[in-house]
């Protein structure tokens, strides 16, 4: 579970860094593409975290 949370935190930090570094339209488009991929990864991690919690809640 800690691995999942660490990966989520890493993505949130990278997202913040991306946002601060945008200086023009091209960089913004690159950020948008990256952000969609990052959001998909975050969604998968959230699902894994939920499954992990459900499996361990029954014990």
Protein backbone atom coordinates (compact mmCIF):
# COMPACT_ATOMS: atom_id res chain seq x y z
CA UNK A 1 0.00 0.00 0.00
CA UNK A 2 2.85 2.39 0.81
CA UNK A 3 4.25 1.87 -2.69
CA UNK A 4 0.93 2.98 -4.19
CA UNK A 5 0.78 6.08 -2.00
CA UNK A 6 4.40 6.95 -2.81
CA UNK A 7 3.71 6.69 -6.55
CA UNK A 8 0.61 8.89 -6.20
CA UNK A 9 2.59 11.50 -4.30
CA UNK A 10 5.34 11.40 -6.94
CA UNK A 11 2.78 12.08 -9.69
CA UNK A 12 1.20 14.96 -7.74
CA UNK A 13 4.63 16.56 -7.22
CA UNK A 14 5.53 16.13 -10.90
CA UNK A 15 2.18 17.66 -11.89
CA UNK A 16 2.86 20.70 -9.75
CA UNK A 17 6.32 21.06 -11.25
CA UNK A 18 4.92 20.82 -14.79
CA UNK A 19 2.32 23.51 -14.08
CA UNK A 20 4.90 25.94 -12.72
CA UNK A 21 7.22 25.45 -15.68
CA UNK A 22 4.70 26.20 -18.46
CA UNK A 23 5.81 29.26 -20.38
CA UNK A 24 4.11 28.96 -23.78
CA UNK A 25 1.36 27.20 -25.75
CA UNK A 26 3.58 24.34 -26.88
CA UNK A 27 4.59 23.53 -23.31
CA UNK A 28 0.95 23.73 -22.26
CA UNK A 29 -0.04 21.20 -24.95
CA UNK A 30 2.78 18.89 -23.80
CA UNK A 31 1.53 19.25 -20.24
CA UNK A 32 -2.03 18.40 -21.30
CA UNK A 33 -0.86 15.18 -22.99
CA UNK A 34 1.23 14.24 -19.96
CA UNK A 35 -1.61 15.11 -17.60
CA UNK A 36 -4.07 12.77 -19.35
CA UNK A 37 -1.58 9.91 -19.03
CA UNK A 38 -0.84 10.81 -15.42
CA UNK A 39 -4.55 10.92 -14.60
CA UNK A 40 -5.02 7.44 -16.09
CA UNK A 41 -2.15 6.17 -13.94
CA UNK A 42 -3.64 7.83 -10.84
CA UNK A 43 -7.02 6.24 -11.58
CA UNK A 44 -5.41 2.78 -11.81
CA UNK A 45 -3.50 3.34 -8.58
CA UNK A 46 -6.68 4.45 -6.85
CA UNK A 47 -8.43 1.26 -7.99
CA UNK A 48 -5.53 -0.88 -6.73
CA UNK A 49 -5.61 0.94 -3.41
CA UNK A 50 -9.35 0.34 -3.10
CA UNK A 51 -8.99 -3.37 -3.89
CA UNK A 52 -6.16 -3.65 -1.39
CA UNK A 53 -8.25 -2.00 1.32
CA UNK A 54 -11.29 -4.19 0.58
CA UNK A 55 -9.20 -7.36 0.70
CA UNK A 56 -7.54 -6.40 3.97
CA UNK A 57 -10.69 -5.02 5.58
CA UNK A 58 -12.15 -8.51 5.81
CA UNK A 59 -9.32 -9.73 8.02
